[in-house]
Amino acid sequence: MFLSDIDIKKAIVDQSITLSDFDPKRLGPASYDILLGNKFLVIKSHSTSFIDPVNKILPEYDEIILKDNESFTLHPGVSILGISHDYFGSDKYLIQLSGKSSLARIGLIVHNTAGLINPGHYLNIVFELCNLNSVPIILRPKMEIAQLIFAEMSSVPEVDYKETGRYHGKNWTSYTTKE
């Protein structure tokens, strides 16, 4: 069962959902709009000849940090990582990240595959941003970038993401530091 705006507000009050800087204006009938942060990771293509995830041959990134009044130009066909301004999570609810149709219509993909946030995962989510358009798209810190949808679980999970999650506590730093 998905939570309605009424249920989302109740869950924020009883603290079963954490949403930093909650703004009721960003609450939809069954979703909450989140904002783009100011950090981006761009693959160092000059030093990355190929990527092989099975053999853990992964790219190196350049980190770009913008001021609030600056913008990032995402060129056609380019994929980058970005981070949300909003910090969120829940021990009780499954959270689904969904793109905004207004951005999809201009060719901006917000997440390619990683749209599921397990209960117990608290984070500023990493976006997989890709420009499918034939012209550049301007990205700005604190622009509305995606929506969160909250789903009630049928039972409490046996396994806690805090104990088993690959990115628990290091969602952004897993890309910016060598392990």
N, C-alpha and C. Protein backbone atom coordinates (compact mmCIF):
# COMPACT_ATOMS: atom_id res chain seq x y z
N MET A 1 0.84 -1.18 0.00
CA MET A 1 0.00 0.00 0.00
C MET A 1 0.89 1.24 0.00
N PHE A 2 0.58 2.17 -0.88
CA PHE A 2 1.33 3.42 -0.96
C PHE A 2 0.72 4.44 -0.01
N LEU A 3 1.58 5.29 0.54
CA LEU A 3 1.11 6.32 1.46
C LEU A 3 0.57 7.52 0.71
N SER A 4 -0.52 8.07 1.22
CA SER A 4 -1.08 9.31 0.68
C SER A 4 -0.38 10.49 1.35
N ASP A 5 -0.70 11.70 0.88
CA ASP A 5 -0.14 12.89 1.50
C ASP A 5 -0.47 12.96 2.99
N ILE A 6 -1.68 12.55 3.37
CA ILE A 6 -2.08 12.54 4.78
C ILE A 6 -1.18 11.59 5.57
N ASP A 7 -0.96 10.39 5.03
CA ASP A 7 -0.12 9.39 5.71
C ASP A 7 1.33 9.83 5.79
N ILE A 8 1.83 10.48 4.73
CA ILE A 8 3.22 10.96 4.74
C ILE A 8 3.40 12.01 5.83
N LYS A 9 2.45 12.95 5.94
CA LYS A 9 2.54 13.97 7.00
C LYS A 9 2.51 13.34 8.39
N LYS A 10 1.61 12.35 8.59
CA LYS A 10 1.54 11.66 9.89
C LYS A 10 2.86 10.96 10.20
N ALA A 11 3.45 10.31 9.19
CA ALA A 11 4.71 9.58 9.39
C ALA A 11 5.86 10.52 9.70
N ILE A 12 5.82 11.74 9.17
CA ILE A 12 6.85 12.73 9.50
C ILE A 12 6.68 13.19 10.94
N VAL A 13 5.44 13.43 11.34
CA VAL A 13 5.17 13.86 12.72
C VAL A 13 5.58 12.78 13.71
N ASP A 14 5.24 11.50 13.43
CA ASP A 14 5.61 10.43 14.37
C ASP A 14 7.04 9.93 14.15
N GLN A 15 7.76 10.56 13.24
CA GLN A 15 9.18 10.30 12.96
C GLN A 15 9.45 8.91 12.40
N SER A 16 8.45 8.29 11.77
CA SER A 16 8.72 7.03 11.08
C SER A 16 9.23 7.28 9.65
N ILE A 17 9.16 8.54 9.20
CA ILE A 17 9.83 8.98 7.97
C ILE A 17 10.67 10.19 8.33
N THR A 18 11.92 10.19 7.90
CA THR A 18 12.81 11.34 8.06
C THR A 18 12.90 12.05 6.71
N LEU A 19 12.60 13.34 6.70
CA LEU A 19 12.76 14.19 5.51
C LEU A 19 13.35 15.51 5.98
N SER A 20 14.62 15.75 5.66
CA SER A 20 15.24 17.01 6.08
C SER A 20 14.54 18.18 5.41
N ASP A 21 14.43 19.26 6.14
CA ASP A 21 13.83 20.49 5.59
C ASP A 21 12.49 20.23 4.92
N PHE A 22 11.61 19.46 5.58
CA PHE A 22 10.30 19.15 5.00
C PHE A 22 9.57 20.43 4.61
N ASP A 23 9.06 20.46 3.39
CA ASP A 23 8.32 21.61 2.87
C ASP A 23 6.97 21.11 2.35
N PRO A 24 5.87 21.46 3.01
CA PRO A 24 4.55 20.98 2.58
C PRO A 24 4.21 21.33 1.12
N LYS A 25 4.84 22.36 0.57
CA LYS A 25 4.58 22.74 -0.82
C LYS A 25 5.10 21.69 -1.80
N ARG A 26 6.02 20.85 -1.36
CA ARG A 26 6.58 19.81 -2.23
C ARG A 26 5.86 18.47 -2.08
N LEU A 27 4.82 18.45 -1.26
CA LEU A 27 4.06 17.23 -1.02
C LEU A 27 2.94 17.11 -2.05
N GLY A 28 2.93 16.00 -2.79
CA GLY A 28 1.87 15.73 -3.74
C GLY A 28 0.85 14.78 -3.13
N PRO A 29 -0.16 14.37 -3.88
CA PRO A 29 -1.18 13.47 -3.35
C PRO A 29 -0.62 12.14 -2.83
N ALA A 30 0.47 11.65 -3.44
CA ALA A 30 1.07 10.38 -3.01
C ALA A 30 2.58 10.38 -3.18
N SER A 31 3.20 11.56 -3.13
CA SER A 31 4.65 11.64 -3.33
C SER A 31 5.19 12.92 -2.70
N TYR A 32 6.52 12.97 -2.62
CA TYR A 32 7.20 14.16 -2.10
C TYR A 32 8.33 14.49 -3.06
N ASP A 33 8.37 15.74 -3.53
CA ASP A 33 9.42 16.19 -4.45
C ASP A 33 10.71 16.47 -3.69
N ILE A 34 11.82 15.96 -4.21
CA ILE A 34 13.12 16.25 -3.60
C ILE A 34 13.96 17.10 -4.54
N LEU A 35 14.96 17.75 -3.95
CA LEU A 35 15.76 18.73 -4.66
C LEU A 35 17.15 18.19 -5.01
N LEU A 36 17.70 18.71 -6.07
CA LEU A 36 19.06 18.38 -6.47
C LEU A 36 20.05 19.08 -5.55
N GLY A 37 21.10 18.39 -5.17
CA GLY A 37 22.15 18.98 -4.36
C GLY A 37 23.15 19.74 -5.22
N ASN A 38 24.30 20.02 -4.63
CA ASN A 38 25.30 20.83 -5.34
C ASN A 38 26.57 20.04 -5.71
N LYS A 39 26.54 18.72 -5.56
CA LYS A 39 27.73 17.91 -5.87
C LYS A 39 27.45 17.00 -7.06
N PHE A 40 28.45 16.92 -7.94
CA PHE A 40 28.36 16.08 -9.13
C PHE A 40 29.67 15.32 -9.30
N LEU A 41 29.57 14.12 -9.85
CA LEU A 41 30.75 13.33 -10.18
C LEU A 41 30.74 13.04 -11.68
N VAL A 42 31.85 13.39 -12.33
CA VAL A 42 32.00 13.21 -13.77
C VAL A 42 33.15 12.23 -13.99
N ILE A 43 32.91 11.22 -14.80
CA ILE A 43 33.95 10.22 -15.07
C ILE A 43 35.15 10.89 -15.73
N LYS A 44 36.34 10.54 -15.24
CA LYS A 44 37.60 11.00 -15.86
C LYS A 44 37.81 10.14 -17.11
N SER A 45 37.19 10.55 -18.20
CA SER A 45 37.22 9.73 -19.42
C SER A 45 38.62 9.62 -20.01
N HIS A 46 39.48 10.61 -19.76
CA HIS A 46 40.84 10.55 -20.29
C HIS A 46 41.67 9.45 -19.63
N SER A 47 41.28 9.02 -18.43
CA SER A 47 42.03 7.96 -17.74
C SER A 47 41.21 6.68 -17.58
N THR A 48 40.03 6.62 -18.18
CA THR A 48 39.18 5.44 -18.09
C THR A 48 39.03 4.85 -19.49
N SER A 49 39.73 3.76 -19.76
CA SER A 49 39.65 3.16 -21.10
C SER A 49 38.43 2.25 -21.22
N PHE A 50 38.01 1.63 -20.11
CA PHE A 50 36.80 0.82 -20.09
C PHE A 50 36.40 0.59 -18.63
N ILE A 51 35.17 0.12 -18.46
CA ILE A 51 34.64 -0.19 -17.13
C ILE A 51 34.23 -1.66 -17.15
N ASP A 52 34.65 -2.41 -16.13
CA ASP A 52 34.31 -3.83 -16.01
C ASP A 52 33.85 -4.08 -14.57
N PRO A 53 32.54 -3.93 -14.30
CA PRO A 53 32.07 -4.05 -12.92
C PRO A 53 32.29 -5.43 -12.29
N VAL A 54 32.27 -6.50 -13.09
CA VAL A 54 32.48 -7.84 -12.55
C VAL A 54 33.89 -7.97 -11.96
N ASN A 55 34.87 -7.42 -12.66
CA ASN A 55 36.25 -7.48 -12.19
C ASN A 55 36.66 -6.24 -11.40
N LYS A 56 35.66 -5.45 -11.01
CA LYS A 56 35.87 -4.25 -10.19
C LYS A 56 36.84 -3.24 -10.82
N ILE A 57 36.78 -3.14 -12.14
CA ILE A 57 37.52 -2.09 -12.84
C ILE A 57 36.52 -0.95 -13.04
N LEU A 58 36.60 0.01 -12.15
CA LEU A 58 35.63 1.10 -12.10
C LEU A 58 36.30 2.42 -12.46
N PRO A 59 35.51 3.38 -12.89
CA PRO A 59 36.10 4.66 -13.29
C PRO A 59 36.52 5.51 -12.10
N GLU A 60 37.42 6.44 -12.38
CA GLU A 60 37.72 7.49 -11.42
C GLU A 60 36.85 8.68 -11.80
N TYR A 61 36.56 9.51 -10.80
CA TYR A 61 35.66 10.65 -11.02
C TYR A 61 36.33 11.95 -10.63
N ASP A 62 35.91 13.01 -11.29
CA ASP A 62 36.18 14.38 -10.84
C ASP A 62 34.95 14.84 -10.09
N GLU A 63 35.15 15.37 -8.88
CA GLU A 63 34.03 15.89 -8.10
C GLU A 63 33.90 17.39 -8.36
N ILE A 64 32.69 17.80 -8.68
CA ILE A 64 32.39 19.21 -8.92
C ILE A 64 31.41 19.65 -7.85
N ILE A 65 31.75 20.72 -7.13
CA ILE A 65 30.87 21.25 -6.09
C ILE A 65 30.48 22.67 -6.49
N LEU A 66 29.19 22.89 -6.64
CA LEU A 66 28.68 24.19 -7.07
C LEU A 66 28.20 25.03 -5.89
N LYS A 67 28.25 26.33 -6.07
CA LYS A 67 27.58 27.25 -5.14
C LYS A 67 26.11 27.30 -5.56
N ASP A 68 25.25 27.77 -4.65
CA ASP A 68 23.81 27.78 -4.93
C ASP A 68 23.44 28.56 -6.19
N ASN A 69 24.19 29.58 -6.54
CA ASN A 69 23.84 30.40 -7.70
C ASN A 69 24.50 29.91 -9.00
N GLU A 70 25.25 28.81 -8.94
CA GLU A 70 25.93 28.28 -10.12
C GLU A 70 25.08 27.19 -10.77
N SER A 71 25.47 26.80 -11.98
CA SER A 71 24.75 25.75 -12.69
C SER A 71 25.75 24.75 -13.29
N PHE A 72 25.23 23.60 -13.64
CA PHE A 72 26.02 22.55 -14.29
C PHE A 72 25.38 22.27 -15.64
N THR A 73 26.17 22.24 -16.69
CA THR A 73 25.66 21.95 -18.03
C THR A 73 25.88 20.47 -18.32
N LEU A 74 24.77 19.75 -18.48
CA LEU A 74 24.83 18.33 -18.81
C LEU A 74 24.65 18.19 -20.33
N HIS A 75 25.72 17.77 -20.97
CA HIS A 75 25.73 17.69 -22.44
C HIS A 75 25.02 16.44 -22.94
N PRO A 76 24.57 16.45 -24.19
CA PRO A 76 23.87 15.30 -24.76
C PRO A 76 24.70 14.02 -24.68
N GLY A 77 24.02 12.93 -24.31
CA GLY A 77 24.66 11.63 -24.26
C GLY A 77 25.58 11.40 -23.08
N VAL A 78 25.67 12.35 -22.18
CA VAL A 78 26.59 12.24 -21.04
C VAL A 78 25.83 11.77 -19.80
N SER A 79 26.47 10.85 -19.06
CA SER A 79 25.94 10.38 -17.78
C SER A 79 26.86 10.85 -16.67
N ILE A 80 26.28 11.36 -15.61
CA ILE A 80 27.04 11.80 -14.43
C ILE A 80 26.30 11.33 -13.19
N LEU A 81 26.94 11.48 -12.06
CA LEU A 81 26.28 11.25 -10.78
C LEU A 81 26.05 12.58 -10.11
N GLY A 82 24.93 12.71 -9.45
CA GLY A 82 24.61 13.89 -8.65
C GLY A 82 24.03 13.42 -7.33
N ILE A 83 23.89 14.31 -6.40
CA ILE A 83 23.37 13.93 -5.09
C ILE A 83 22.19 14.82 -4.73
N SER A 84 21.29 14.29 -3.92
CA SER A 84 20.12 15.07 -3.51
C SER A 84 20.50 16.07 -2.42
N HIS A 85 19.80 17.17 -2.42
CA HIS A 85 19.90 18.14 -1.33
C HIS A 85 19.24 17.56 -0.09
N ASP A 86 18.14 16.84 -0.30
CA ASP A 86 17.34 16.29 0.80
C ASP A 86 17.96 15.01 1.35
N TYR A 87 17.98 14.92 2.68
CA TYR A 87 18.37 13.70 3.38
C TYR A 87 17.08 13.04 3.83
N PHE A 88 16.95 11.74 3.61
CA PHE A 88 15.69 11.07 3.95
C PHE A 88 15.92 9.60 4.25
N GLY A 89 14.90 8.97 4.80
CA GLY A 89 14.93 7.55 5.07
C GLY A 89 13.81 7.14 5.99
N SER A 90 13.70 5.84 6.21
CA SER A 90 12.68 5.29 7.09
C SER A 90 13.06 3.88 7.49
N ASP A 91 12.82 3.55 8.74
CA ASP A 91 12.99 2.16 9.18
C ASP A 91 11.74 1.34 8.85
N LYS A 92 10.63 2.02 8.68
CA LYS A 92 9.33 1.35 8.55
C LYS A 92 8.87 1.18 7.11
N TYR A 93 9.21 2.13 6.23
CA TYR A 93 8.66 2.13 4.88
C TYR A 93 9.72 1.88 3.81
N LEU A 94 9.29 1.23 2.75
CA LEU A 94 10.09 1.11 1.53
C LEU A 94 9.90 2.42 0.76
N ILE A 95 10.96 2.97 0.21
CA ILE A 95 10.87 4.23 -0.52
C ILE A 95 11.27 3.98 -1.97
N GLN A 96 10.47 4.52 -2.88
CA GLN A 96 10.75 4.40 -4.31
C GLN A 96 11.07 5.78 -4.87
N LEU A 97 12.19 5.88 -5.57
CA LEU A 97 12.56 7.12 -6.26
C LEU A 97 11.96 7.09 -7.65
N SER A 98 11.33 8.17 -8.03
CA SER A 98 10.73 8.26 -9.35
C SER A 98 11.12 9.59 -9.99
N GLY A 99 11.38 9.56 -11.27
CA GLY A 99 11.68 10.79 -11.99
C GLY A 99 10.45 11.66 -12.14
N LYS A 100 10.67 12.90 -12.51
CA LYS A 100 9.56 13.82 -12.75
C LYS A 100 9.29 13.86 -14.25
N SER A 101 8.01 13.77 -14.62
CA SER A 101 7.67 13.72 -16.05
C SER A 101 8.09 15.00 -16.77
N SER A 102 8.07 16.14 -16.07
CA SER A 102 8.48 17.39 -16.72
C SER A 102 9.94 17.35 -17.15
N LEU A 103 10.78 16.64 -16.40
CA LEU A 103 12.19 16.51 -16.77
C LEU A 103 12.39 15.40 -17.80
N ALA A 104 11.64 14.31 -17.67
CA ALA A 104 11.73 13.23 -18.65
C ALA A 104 11.35 13.72 -20.04
N ARG A 105 10.42 14.65 -20.10
CA ARG A 105 9.96 15.18 -21.40
C ARG A 105 11.02 16.01 -22.10
N ILE A 106 12.01 16.49 -21.36
CA ILE A 106 13.11 17.22 -22.01
C ILE A 106 14.35 16.34 -22.14
N GLY A 107 14.21 15.04 -21.83
CA GLY A 107 15.30 14.10 -22.05
C GLY A 107 16.21 13.86 -20.86
N LEU A 108 15.83 14.34 -19.68
CA LEU A 108 16.68 14.13 -18.50
C LEU A 108 16.23 12.89 -17.75
N ILE A 109 17.12 11.91 -17.68
CA ILE A 109 16.89 10.71 -16.88
C ILE A 109 17.53 10.95 -15.52
N VAL A 110 16.78 10.69 -14.46
CA VAL A 110 17.25 10.96 -13.10
C VAL A 110 17.85 9.71 -12.46
N HIS A 111 17.27 8.56 -12.76
CA HIS A 111 17.86 7.31 -12.27
C HIS A 111 17.67 6.24 -13.33
N ASN A 112 18.74 5.49 -13.56
CA ASN A 112 18.68 4.44 -14.57
C ASN A 112 18.09 3.16 -14.01
N THR A 113 18.57 2.73 -12.86
CA THR A 113 18.07 1.48 -12.28
C THR A 113 17.92 1.54 -10.77
N ALA A 114 18.63 2.42 -10.11
CA ALA A 114 18.70 2.38 -8.64
C ALA A 114 17.63 3.25 -8.01
N GLY A 115 16.37 2.83 -8.10
CA GLY A 115 15.28 3.62 -7.57
C GLY A 115 14.67 3.10 -6.29
N LEU A 116 15.20 2.03 -5.74
CA LEU A 116 14.63 1.40 -4.55
C LEU A 116 15.48 1.73 -3.33
N ILE A 117 14.83 2.25 -2.29
CA ILE A 117 15.54 2.55 -1.04
C ILE A 117 14.94 1.66 0.04
N ASN A 118 15.75 0.75 0.54
CA ASN A 118 15.29 -0.21 1.54
C ASN A 118 15.01 0.45 2.87
N PRO A 119 14.08 -0.13 3.66
CA PRO A 119 13.91 0.35 5.03
C PRO A 119 15.24 0.27 5.77
N GLY A 120 15.52 1.30 6.56
CA GLY A 120 16.78 1.35 7.30
C GLY A 120 17.88 2.11 6.60
N HIS A 121 17.65 2.50 5.35
CA HIS A 121 18.66 3.26 4.61
C HIS A 121 18.31 4.74 4.68
N TYR A 122 19.16 5.52 5.31
CA TYR A 122 19.01 6.97 5.43
C TYR A 122 20.12 7.60 4.60
N LEU A 123 19.77 8.54 3.73
CA LEU A 123 20.78 9.01 2.79
C LEU A 123 20.38 10.30 2.10
N ASN A 124 21.39 10.92 1.51
CA ASN A 124 21.21 11.84 0.40
C ASN A 124 21.43 10.94 -0.81
N ILE A 125 20.40 10.73 -1.59
CA ILE A 125 20.48 9.73 -2.66
C ILE A 125 21.38 10.20 -3.80
N VAL A 126 22.06 9.24 -4.40
CA VAL A 126 22.89 9.52 -5.58
C VAL A 126 22.01 9.30 -6.81
N PHE A 127 21.94 10.32 -7.65
CA PHE A 127 21.20 10.25 -8.91
C PHE A 127 22.13 9.81 -10.03
N GLU A 128 21.61 9.00 -10.95
CA GLU A 128 22.32 8.63 -12.18
C GLU A 128 21.71 9.50 -13.27
N LEU A 129 22.28 10.67 -13.48
CA LEU A 129 21.73 11.67 -14.40
C LEU A 129 22.26 11.45 -15.82
N CYS A 130 21.36 11.46 -16.78
CA CYS A 130 21.76 11.28 -18.17
C CYS A 130 20.91 12.17 -19.07
N ASN A 131 21.57 12.84 -20.00
CA ASN A 131 20.89 13.71 -20.96
C ASN A 131 20.67 12.93 -22.25
N LEU A 132 19.42 12.58 -22.52
CA LEU A 132 19.07 11.87 -23.75
C LEU A 132 18.67 12.81 -24.88
N ASN A 133 18.71 14.10 -24.62
CA ASN A 133 18.33 15.10 -25.61
C ASN A 133 19.50 15.38 -26.55
N SER A 134 19.24 16.18 -27.58
CA SER A 134 20.30 16.55 -28.53
C SER A 134 20.90 17.92 -28.21
N VAL A 135 20.42 18.54 -27.13
CA VAL A 135 20.95 19.84 -26.69
C VAL A 135 21.28 19.76 -25.20
N PRO A 136 22.18 20.60 -24.71
CA PRO A 136 22.53 20.58 -23.28
C PRO A 136 21.33 20.91 -22.39
N ILE A 137 21.36 20.37 -21.17
CA ILE A 137 20.36 20.65 -20.14
C ILE A 137 21.09 21.29 -18.97
N ILE A 138 20.56 22.40 -18.47
CA ILE A 138 21.16 23.11 -17.34
C ILE A 138 20.57 22.57 -16.05
N LEU A 139 21.45 22.16 -15.13
CA LEU A 139 21.04 21.68 -13.81
C LEU A 139 21.46 22.70 -12.77
N ARG A 140 20.60 22.93 -11.80
CA ARG A 140 20.88 23.92 -10.75
C ARG A 140 20.64 23.32 -9.38
N PRO A 141 21.52 23.63 -8.42
CA PRO A 141 21.27 23.18 -7.05
C PRO A 141 19.90 23.65 -6.57
N LYS A 142 19.23 22.77 -5.87
CA LYS A 142 17.91 22.99 -5.26
C LYS A 142 16.76 23.05 -6.26
N MET A 143 16.99 22.61 -7.51
CA MET A 143 15.86 22.47 -8.43
C MET A 143 15.14 21.16 -8.08
N GLU A 144 13.81 21.12 -8.28
CA GLU A 144 13.08 19.87 -8.07
C GLU A 144 13.55 18.88 -9.12
N ILE A 145 13.95 17.69 -8.65
CA ILE A 145 14.62 16.74 -9.54
C ILE A 145 13.93 15.37 -9.60
N ALA A 146 13.27 14.97 -8.50
CA ALA A 146 12.67 13.64 -8.45
C ALA A 146 11.58 13.62 -7.38
N GLN A 147 10.90 12.47 -7.30
CA GLN A 147 9.84 12.29 -6.31
C GLN A 147 10.12 11.04 -5.50
N LEU A 148 9.69 11.07 -4.24
CA LEU A 148 9.74 9.89 -3.39
C LEU A 148 8.33 9.37 -3.19
N ILE A 149 8.19 8.06 -3.27
CA ILE A 149 6.92 7.38 -3.02
C ILE A 149 7.19 6.41 -1.88
N PHE A 150 6.29 6.38 -0.91
CA PHE A 150 6.48 5.57 0.29
C PHE A 150 5.49 4.41 0.28
N ALA A 151 5.98 3.21 0.58
CA ALA A 151 5.14 2.01 0.58
C ALA A 151 5.24 1.30 1.93
N GLU A 152 4.08 0.88 2.41
CA GLU A 152 4.04 0.14 3.67
C GLU A 152 4.48 -1.30 3.42
N MET A 153 5.27 -1.83 4.34
CA MET A 153 5.74 -3.21 4.23
C MET A 153 4.70 -4.14 4.86
N SER A 154 4.56 -5.35 4.33
CA SER A 154 3.59 -6.31 4.89
C SER A 154 4.06 -6.87 6.23
N SER A 155 5.36 -6.82 6.48
CA SER A 155 5.92 -7.24 7.76
C SER A 155 7.29 -6.58 7.92
N VAL A 156 7.84 -6.68 9.11
CA VAL A 156 9.16 -6.12 9.38
C VAL A 156 10.20 -7.04 8.73
N PRO A 157 11.15 -6.51 7.97
CA PRO A 157 12.16 -7.36 7.33
C PRO A 157 13.03 -8.08 8.37
N GLU A 158 13.46 -9.28 8.04
CA GLU A 158 14.37 -10.03 8.91
C GLU A 158 15.75 -9.39 8.94
N VAL A 159 16.15 -8.82 7.81
CA VAL A 159 17.48 -8.27 7.66
C VAL A 159 17.37 -6.74 7.65
N ASP A 160 18.27 -6.09 8.37
CA ASP A 160 18.27 -4.63 8.45
C ASP A 160 19.32 -4.08 7.49
N TYR A 161 18.94 -3.08 6.69
CA TYR A 161 19.88 -2.49 5.73
C TYR A 161 21.11 -1.91 6.43
N LYS A 162 20.93 -1.43 7.65
CA LYS A 162 22.07 -0.86 8.39
C LYS A 162 23.16 -1.91 8.62
N GLU A 163 22.77 -3.18 8.63
CA GLU A 163 23.74 -4.26 8.86
C GLU A 163 24.26 -4.88 7.56
N THR A 164 23.47 -4.81 6.51
CA THR A 164 23.83 -5.53 5.29
C THR A 164 24.01 -4.65 4.06
N GLY A 165 23.59 -3.40 4.14
CA GLY A 165 23.58 -2.54 2.96
C GLY A 165 24.96 -2.15 2.47
N ARG A 166 25.15 -2.29 1.19
CA ARG A 166 26.44 -1.99 0.56
C ARG A 166 26.86 -0.53 0.74
N TYR A 167 25.88 0.37 0.67
CA TYR A 167 26.20 1.80 0.71
C TYR A 167 25.81 2.45 2.04
N HIS A 168 25.48 1.67 3.05
CA HIS A 168 25.08 2.26 4.33
C HIS A 168 26.20 3.15 4.87
N GLY A 169 25.85 4.41 5.09
CA GLY A 169 26.80 5.36 5.68
C GLY A 169 27.86 5.89 4.74
N LYS A 170 27.87 5.43 3.49
CA LYS A 170 28.92 5.88 2.56
C LYS A 170 28.39 5.99 1.13
N ASN A 171 27.17 6.46 1.01
CA ASN A 171 26.52 6.52 -0.30
C ASN A 171 27.32 7.35 -1.31
N TRP A 172 27.79 8.52 -0.93
CA TRP A 172 28.55 9.41 -1.83
C TRP A 172 30.04 9.09 -1.78
N THR A 173 30.53 8.82 -0.58
CA THR A 173 31.98 8.61 -0.43
C THR A 173 32.45 7.32 -1.09
N SER A 174 31.54 6.40 -1.39
CA SER A 174 31.98 5.19 -2.09
C SER A 174 32.51 5.52 -3.48
N TYR A 175 32.14 6.67 -4.02
CA TYR A 175 32.62 7.09 -5.34
C TYR A 175 33.81 8.05 -5.25
N THR A 176 33.92 8.75 -4.14
CA THR A 176 34.94 9.81 -4.05
C THR A 176 36.20 9.36 -3.34
N THR A 177 36.20 8.18 -2.75
CA THR A 177 37.39 7.67 -2.07
C THR A 177 37.68 6.25 -2.54
N LYS A 178 38.93 5.88 -2.50
CA LYS A 178 39.33 4.51 -2.86
C LYS A 178 39.13 3.61 -1.64
N GLU A 179 38.53 2.43 -1.88
CA GLU A 179 38.33 1.48 -0.78
C GLU A 179 39.48 0.52 -0.68
